Amino acid sequence: LLENDTSSRENIFNETHLRWNVSQQWTFQSSYKDGIKKNNSKFFTTRNYRITYFETEPKISFQPSASFRISVSYRYSEKKDTSAMAKTTSQNFGSDIKYNALNKGSLTAKANFILIDYNSAENTPLAYEMLEGLKTGKNYTWSVGYSRTLANNIQLTLTYDGRQSPGIKTIHTGNAQVRAFF
């Protein structure tokens, strides 16, 4: 049995960014975003949604030298589905560190604690979109990346990502990539 379906996705949003260099070492950034995400499927009606959302994220960075930077951020977001009356509130507490060593490469590390409150069933396409692939409750994500130029036109990148959500085993993902620039 072969099924054909036509579907459409739409994401319309307004976004504002603010950046203020408080001093040579300290930077404050803030962003605000609101919009509507829509998905319409003629055959798979469980994938239909219309989500209104907004999010705001202040971020403070400290960069004492050209080779080292540390940042902390907080992101708050709310999403509402107009048809299913589903609502989610998300708070993301994050930090990241970046270190660049001349002729040796760059190392980045990120960590996030994400607290999510959701009022509907979690095993639906709508929930996946509203929860951004995570689960209700306390979620943790982290990543480490290393990038180095091996020759004038060859670059090596190694990355590791991890994720822990309530009731699910920790997910580990690794990636190695070699690029040649012409």
C-alpha atoms as a PDB file:
ATOM      1  CA  LEU A   1       0.000   0.000   0.000  1.00  0.00           C
ATOM      2  CA  LEU A   2       1.453   3.321  -1.061  1.00  0.00           C
ATOM      3  CA  GLU A   3       0.256   6.565   0.497  1.00  0.00           C
ATOM      4  CA  ASN A   4       0.887  10.013  -0.917  1.00  0.00           C
ATOM      5  CA  ASP A   5       0.778  13.138   1.163  1.00  0.00           C
ATOM      6  CA  THR A   6       1.384  16.799   0.641  1.00  0.00           C
ATOM      7  CA  SER A   7       2.462  18.902   3.559  1.00  0.00           C
ATOM      8  CA  SER A   8       3.606  22.443   4.170  1.00  0.00           C
ATOM      9  CA  ARG A   9       5.701  24.055   6.903  1.00  0.00           C
ATOM     10  CA  GLU A  10       5.888  27.717   7.754  1.00  0.00           C
ATOM     11  CA  ASN A  11       7.843  29.701  10.336  1.00  0.00           C
ATOM     12  CA  ILE A  12       7.228  33.446  10.458  1.00  0.00           C
ATOM     13  CA  PHE A  13       8.970  35.423  13.196  1.00  0.00           C
ATOM     14  CA  ASN A  14      10.262  38.814  14.310  1.00  0.00           C
ATOM     15  CA  GLU A  15      13.637  38.984  16.007  1.00  0.00           C
ATOM     16  CA  THR A  16      15.605  41.701  17.780  1.00  0.00           C
ATOM     17  CA  HIS A  17      19.249  41.585  18.906  1.00  0.00           C
ATOM     18  CA  LEU A  18      21.070  43.940  21.232  1.00  0.00           C
ATOM     19  CA  ARG A  19      24.828  43.920  21.850  1.00  0.00           C
ATOM     20  CA  TRP A  20      26.589  46.210  24.276  1.00  0.00           C
ATOM     21  CA  ASN A  21      30.354  46.153  24.853  1.00  0.00           C
ATOM     22  CA  VAL A  22      30.430  47.254  28.485  1.00  0.00           C
ATOM     23  CA  SER A  23      34.240  47.253  28.449  1.00  0.00           C
ATOM     24  CA  GLN A  24      37.024  45.637  26.422  1.00  0.00           C
ATOM     25  CA  GLN A  25      36.513  42.403  28.346  1.00  0.00           C
ATOM     26  CA  TRP A  26      32.773  42.330  29.105  1.00  0.00           C
ATOM     27  CA  THR A  27      29.932  42.053  26.567  1.00  0.00           C
ATOM     28  CA  PHE A  28      26.191  41.954  27.177  1.00  0.00           C
ATOM     29  CA  GLN A  29      23.902  40.517  24.508  1.00  0.00           C
ATOM     30  CA  SER A  30      20.158  40.128  24.476  1.00  0.00           C
ATOM     31  CA  SER A  31      17.691  38.768  21.944  1.00  0.00           C
ATOM     32  CA  TYR A  32      13.923  38.559  21.660  1.00  0.00           C
ATOM     33  CA  LYS A  33      12.006  36.471  19.140  1.00  0.00           C
ATOM     34  CA  ASP A  34       8.275  35.887  18.599  1.00  0.00           C
ATOM     35  CA  GLY A  35       6.423  34.167  15.821  1.00  0.00           C
ATOM     36  CA  ILE A  36       4.159  31.435  14.482  1.00  0.00           C
ATOM     37  CA  LYS A  37       5.136  27.919  13.361  1.00  0.00           C
ATOM     38  CA  LYS A  38       2.662  26.007  11.224  1.00  0.00           C
ATOM     39  CA  ASN A  39       2.599  22.504   9.815  1.00  0.00           C
ATOM     40  CA  ASN A  40      -0.198  21.229   7.591  1.00  0.00           C
ATOM     41  CA  SER A  41      -0.441  17.645   6.341  1.00  0.00           C
ATOM     42  CA  LYS A  42      -3.419  16.428   4.322  1.00  0.00           C
ATOM     43  CA  PHE A  43      -3.023  12.725   5.147  1.00  0.00           C
ATOM     44  CA  PHE A  44      -1.291  12.742   8.556  1.00  0.00           C
ATOM     45  CA  THR A  45      -3.593  15.087  10.460  1.00  0.00           C
ATOM     46  CA  THR A  46      -1.830  14.334  13.772  1.00  0.00           C
ATOM     47  CA  ARG A  47       1.103  16.353  12.370  1.00  0.00           C
ATOM     48  CA  ASN A  48      -0.991  19.510  11.962  1.00  0.00           C
ATOM     49  CA  TYR A  49      -0.228  22.334  14.363  1.00  0.00           C
ATOM     50  CA  ARG A  50      -0.141  26.095  14.692  1.00  0.00           C
ATOM     51  CA  ILE A  51       2.216  27.217  17.443  1.00  0.00           C
ATOM     52  CA  THR A  52       2.617  30.788  18.640  1.00  0.00           C
ATOM     53  CA  TYR A  53       5.834  31.364  20.559  1.00  0.00           C
ATOM     54  CA  PHE A  54       8.217  33.875  22.053  1.00  0.00           C
ATOM     55  CA  GLU A  55      11.654  33.595  23.585  1.00  0.00           C
ATOM     56  CA  THR A  56      14.135  35.942  25.186  1.00  0.00           C
ATOM     57  CA  GLU A  57      17.800  35.326  25.948  1.00  0.00           C
ATOM     58  CA  PRO A  58      20.219  37.589  27.811  1.00  0.00           C
ATOM     59  CA  LYS A  59      23.905  36.584  27.658  1.00  0.00           C
ATOM     60  CA  ILE A  60      27.030  37.883  29.395  1.00  0.00           C
ATOM     61  CA  SER A  61      30.503  37.177  28.012  1.00  0.00           C
ATOM     62  CA  PHE A  62      33.928  37.691  29.552  1.00  0.00           C
ATOM     63  CA  GLN A  63      36.898  37.738  27.163  1.00  0.00           C
ATOM     64  CA  PRO A  64      40.162  38.626  28.938  1.00  0.00           C
ATOM     65  CA  SER A  65      42.269  37.877  25.845  1.00  0.00           C
ATOM     66  CA  ALA A  66      41.876  37.118  22.149  1.00  0.00           C
ATOM     67  CA  SER A  67      42.305  33.411  22.850  1.00  0.00           C
ATOM     68  CA  PHE A  68      39.824  32.817  25.709  1.00  0.00           C
ATOM     69  CA  ARG A  69      36.113  33.563  26.205  1.00  0.00           C
ATOM     70  CA  ILE A  70      33.535  32.384  28.734  1.00  0.00           C
ATOM     71  CA  SER A  71      29.788  33.112  28.546  1.00  0.00           C
ATOM     72  CA  VAL A  72      26.692  32.472  30.625  1.00  0.00           C
ATOM     73  CA  SER A  73      23.140  32.785  29.334  1.00  0.00           C
ATOM     74  CA  TYR A  74      19.512  32.292  30.286  1.00  0.00           C
ATOM     75  CA  ARG A  75      16.768  31.604  27.732  1.00  0.00           C
ATOM     76  CA  TYR A  76      13.076  31.738  28.581  1.00  0.00           C
ATOM     77  CA  SER A  77      10.485  30.609  26.051  1.00  0.00           C
ATOM     78  CA  GLU A  78       6.754  29.950  25.897  1.00  0.00           C
ATOM     79  CA  LYS A  79       4.926  28.061  23.155  1.00  0.00           C
ATOM     80  CA  LYS A  80       1.177  27.564  22.703  1.00  0.00           C
ATOM     81  CA  ASP A  81      -0.670  25.422  20.189  1.00  0.00           C
ATOM     82  CA  THR A  82      -3.923  27.133  19.274  1.00  0.00           C
ATOM     83  CA  SER A  83      -5.851  23.982  18.331  1.00  0.00           C
ATOM     84  CA  ALA A  84      -4.794  21.423  20.975  1.00  0.00           C
ATOM     85  CA  MET A  85      -4.493  23.936  23.827  1.00  0.00           C
ATOM     86  CA  ALA A  86      -1.021  22.572  24.562  1.00  0.00           C
ATOM     87  CA  LYS A  87       1.439  24.897  26.294  1.00  0.00           C
ATOM     88  CA  THR A  88       5.103  24.635  27.172  1.00  0.00           C
ATOM     89  CA  THR A  89       7.395  26.828  29.229  1.00  0.00           C
ATOM     90  CA  SER A  90      11.140  26.334  28.946  1.00  0.00           C
ATOM     91  CA  GLN A  91      14.027  27.786  30.945  1.00  0.00           C
ATOM     92  CA  ASN A  92      17.554  27.157  29.658  1.00  0.00           C
ATOM     93  CA  PHE A  93      20.545  27.975  31.871  1.00  0.00           C
ATOM     94  CA  GLY A  94      23.695  27.706  29.752  1.00  0.00           C
ATOM     95  CA  SER A  95      27.404  28.357  29.709  1.00  0.00           C
ATOM     96  CA  ASP A  96      30.118  27.990  27.114  1.00  0.00           C
ATOM     97  CA  ILE A  97      33.891  28.286  27.003  1.00  0.00           C
ATOM     98  CA  LYS A  98      36.095  28.805  23.960  1.00  0.00           C
ATOM     99  CA  TYR A  99      39.877  28.626  23.846  1.00  0.00           C
ATOM    100  CA  ASN A 100      41.972  29.347  20.734  1.00  0.00           C
ATOM    101  CA  ALA A 101      45.645  28.427  20.581  1.00  0.00           C
ATOM    102  CA  LEU A 102      47.604  29.856  17.678  1.00  0.00           C
ATOM    103  CA  ASN A 103      48.691  27.074  15.281  1.00  0.00           C
ATOM    104  CA  LYS A 104      47.187  24.449  17.611  1.00  0.00           C
ATOM    105  CA  GLY A 105      43.428  24.829  17.071  1.00  0.00           C
ATOM    106  CA  SER A 106      40.376  25.782  19.066  1.00  0.00           C
ATOM    107  CA  LEU A 107      38.510  24.015  21.850  1.00  0.00           C
ATOM    108  CA  THR A 108      34.882  24.749  22.737  1.00  0.00           C
ATOM    109  CA  ALA A 109      32.750  23.355  25.557  1.00  0.00           C
ATOM    110  CA  LYS A 110      29.065  24.019  26.239  1.00  0.00           C
ATOM    111  CA  ALA A 111      26.670  22.893  28.965  1.00  0.00           C
ATOM    112  CA  ASN A 112      22.938  23.542  29.443  1.00  0.00           C
ATOM    113  CA  PHE A 113      20.392  22.809  32.143  1.00  0.00           C
ATOM    114  CA  ILE A 114      16.895  22.989  30.627  1.00  0.00           C
ATOM    115  CA  LEU A 115      13.768  22.964  32.781  1.00  0.00           C
ATOM    116  CA  ILE A 116      10.590  22.246  30.785  1.00  0.00           C
ATOM    117  CA  ASP A 117       6.932  22.367  31.830  1.00  0.00           C
ATOM    118  CA  TYR A 118       4.448  20.867  29.335  1.00  0.00           C
ATOM    119  CA  ASN A 119       0.717  20.202  29.794  1.00  0.00           C
ATOM    120  CA  SER A 120      -0.090  17.598  27.105  1.00  0.00           C
ATOM    121  CA  ALA A 121       0.866  14.137  25.802  1.00  0.00           C
ATOM    122  CA  GLU A 122       4.571  13.797  24.978  1.00  0.00           C
ATOM    123  CA  ASN A 123       4.447  11.120  22.269  1.00  0.00           C
ATOM    124  CA  THR A 124       3.081  13.256  19.420  1.00  0.00           C
ATOM    125  CA  PRO A 125       4.645  15.269  16.584  1.00  0.00           C
ATOM    126  CA  LEU A 126       3.294  18.420  18.265  1.00  0.00           C
ATOM    127  CA  ALA A 127       5.085  17.575  21.523  1.00  0.00           C
ATOM    128  CA  TYR A 128       8.336  16.863  19.684  1.00  0.00           C
ATOM    129  CA  GLU A 129       8.176  20.302  18.072  1.00  0.00           C
ATOM    130  CA  MET A 130       7.204  22.135  21.266  1.00  0.00           C
ATOM    131  CA  LEU A 131       9.740  20.319  23.481  1.00  0.00           C
ATOM    132  CA  GLU A 132      12.511  20.513  20.846  1.00  0.00           C
ATOM    133  CA  GLY A 133      13.173  16.776  21.174  1.00  0.00           C
ATOM    134  CA  LEU A 134      13.518  16.861  24.977  1.00  0.00           C
ATOM    135  CA  LYS A 135      11.172  15.723  27.794  1.00  0.00           C
ATOM    136  CA  THR A 136       9.166  17.441  30.514  1.00  0.00           C
ATOM    137  CA  GLY A 137      11.281  18.054  33.611  1.00  0.00           C
ATOM    138  CA  LYS A 138      15.024  18.496  34.061  1.00  0.00           C
ATOM    139  CA  ASN A 139      17.098  18.043  30.892  1.00  0.00           C
ATOM    140  CA  TYR A 140      20.864  18.340  30.451  1.00  0.00           C
ATOM    141  CA  THR A 141      22.840  18.865  27.246  1.00  0.00           C
ATOM    142  CA  TRP A 142      26.574  19.256  26.761  1.00  0.00           C
ATOM    143  CA  SER A 143      29.086  19.350  23.944  1.00  0.00           C
ATOM    144  CA  VAL A 144      32.829  19.520  23.373  1.00  0.00           C
ATOM    145  CA  GLY A 145      34.473  20.373  20.068  1.00  0.00           C
ATOM    146  CA  TYR A 146      38.045  20.591  18.817  1.00  0.00           C
ATOM    147  CA  SER A 147      39.051  22.086  15.484  1.00  0.00           C
ATOM    148  CA  ARG A 148      42.536  22.318  14.024  1.00  0.00           C
ATOM    149  CA  THR A 149      44.058  23.238  10.696  1.00  0.00           C
ATOM    150  CA  LEU A 150      46.513  20.461   9.825  1.00  0.00           C
ATOM    151  CA  ALA A 151      47.977  22.020   6.688  1.00  0.00           C
ATOM    152  CA  ASN A 152      47.255  25.169   4.718  1.00  0.00           C
ATOM    153  CA  ASN A 153      44.085  23.659   3.285  1.00  0.00           C
ATOM    154  CA  ILE A 154      43.142  20.698   5.561  1.00  0.00           C
ATOM    155  CA  GLN A 155      41.010  21.102   8.673  1.00  0.00           C
ATOM    156  CA  LEU A 156      40.181  18.432  11.286  1.00  0.00           C
ATOM    157  CA  THR A 157      37.097  18.777  13.484  1.00  0.00           C
ATOM    158  CA  LEU A 158      36.155  16.442  16.359  1.00  0.00           C
ATOM    159  CA  THR A 159      32.870  16.886  18.256  1.00  0.00           C
ATOM    160  CA  TYR A 160      31.083  15.124  21.093  1.00  0.00           C
ATOM    161  CA  ASP A 161      27.485  15.824  22.145  1.00  0.00           C
ATOM    162  CA  GLY A 162      25.576  14.425  25.104  1.00  0.00           C
ATOM    163  CA  ARG A 163      21.987  14.651  26.264  1.00  0.00           C
ATOM    164  CA  GLN A 164      20.125  13.435  29.353  1.00  0.00           C
ATOM    165  CA  SER A 165      16.335  13.636  29.712  1.00  0.00           C
ATOM    166  CA  PRO A 166      14.086  12.214  32.466  1.00  0.00           C
ATOM    167  CA  GLY A 167      13.343   8.509  32.032  1.00  0.00           C
ATOM    168  CA  ILE A 168      15.715   8.057  29.066  1.00  0.00           C
ATOM    169  CA  LYS A 169      19.268   6.713  28.970  1.00  0.00           C
ATOM    170  CA  THR A 170      21.991   9.258  28.276  1.00  0.00           C
ATOM    171  CA  ILE A 171      22.583   9.779  24.561  1.00  0.00           C
ATOM    172  CA  HIS A 172      26.192  10.214  23.379  1.00  0.00           C
ATOM    173  CA  THR A 173      27.079  11.311  19.844  1.00  0.00           C
ATOM    174  CA  GLY A 174      30.544  11.701  18.362  1.00  0.00           C
ATOM    175  CA  ASN A 175      31.644  13.094  15.014  1.00  0.00           C
ATOM    176  CA  ALA A 176      34.951  13.377  13.182  1.00  0.00           C
ATOM    177  CA  GLN A 177      35.330  15.459  10.040  1.00  0.00           C
ATOM    178  CA  VAL A 178      38.198  16.302   7.700  1.00  0.00           C
ATOM    179  CA  ARG A 179      37.789  19.185   5.234  1.00  0.00           C
ATOM    180  CA  ALA A 180      39.932  20.154   2.293  1.00  0.00           C
ATOM    181  CA  PHE A 181      39.771  23.777   1.127  1.00  0.00           C
ATOM    182  CA  PHE A 182      40.523  24.516  -2.526  1.00  0.00           C
END
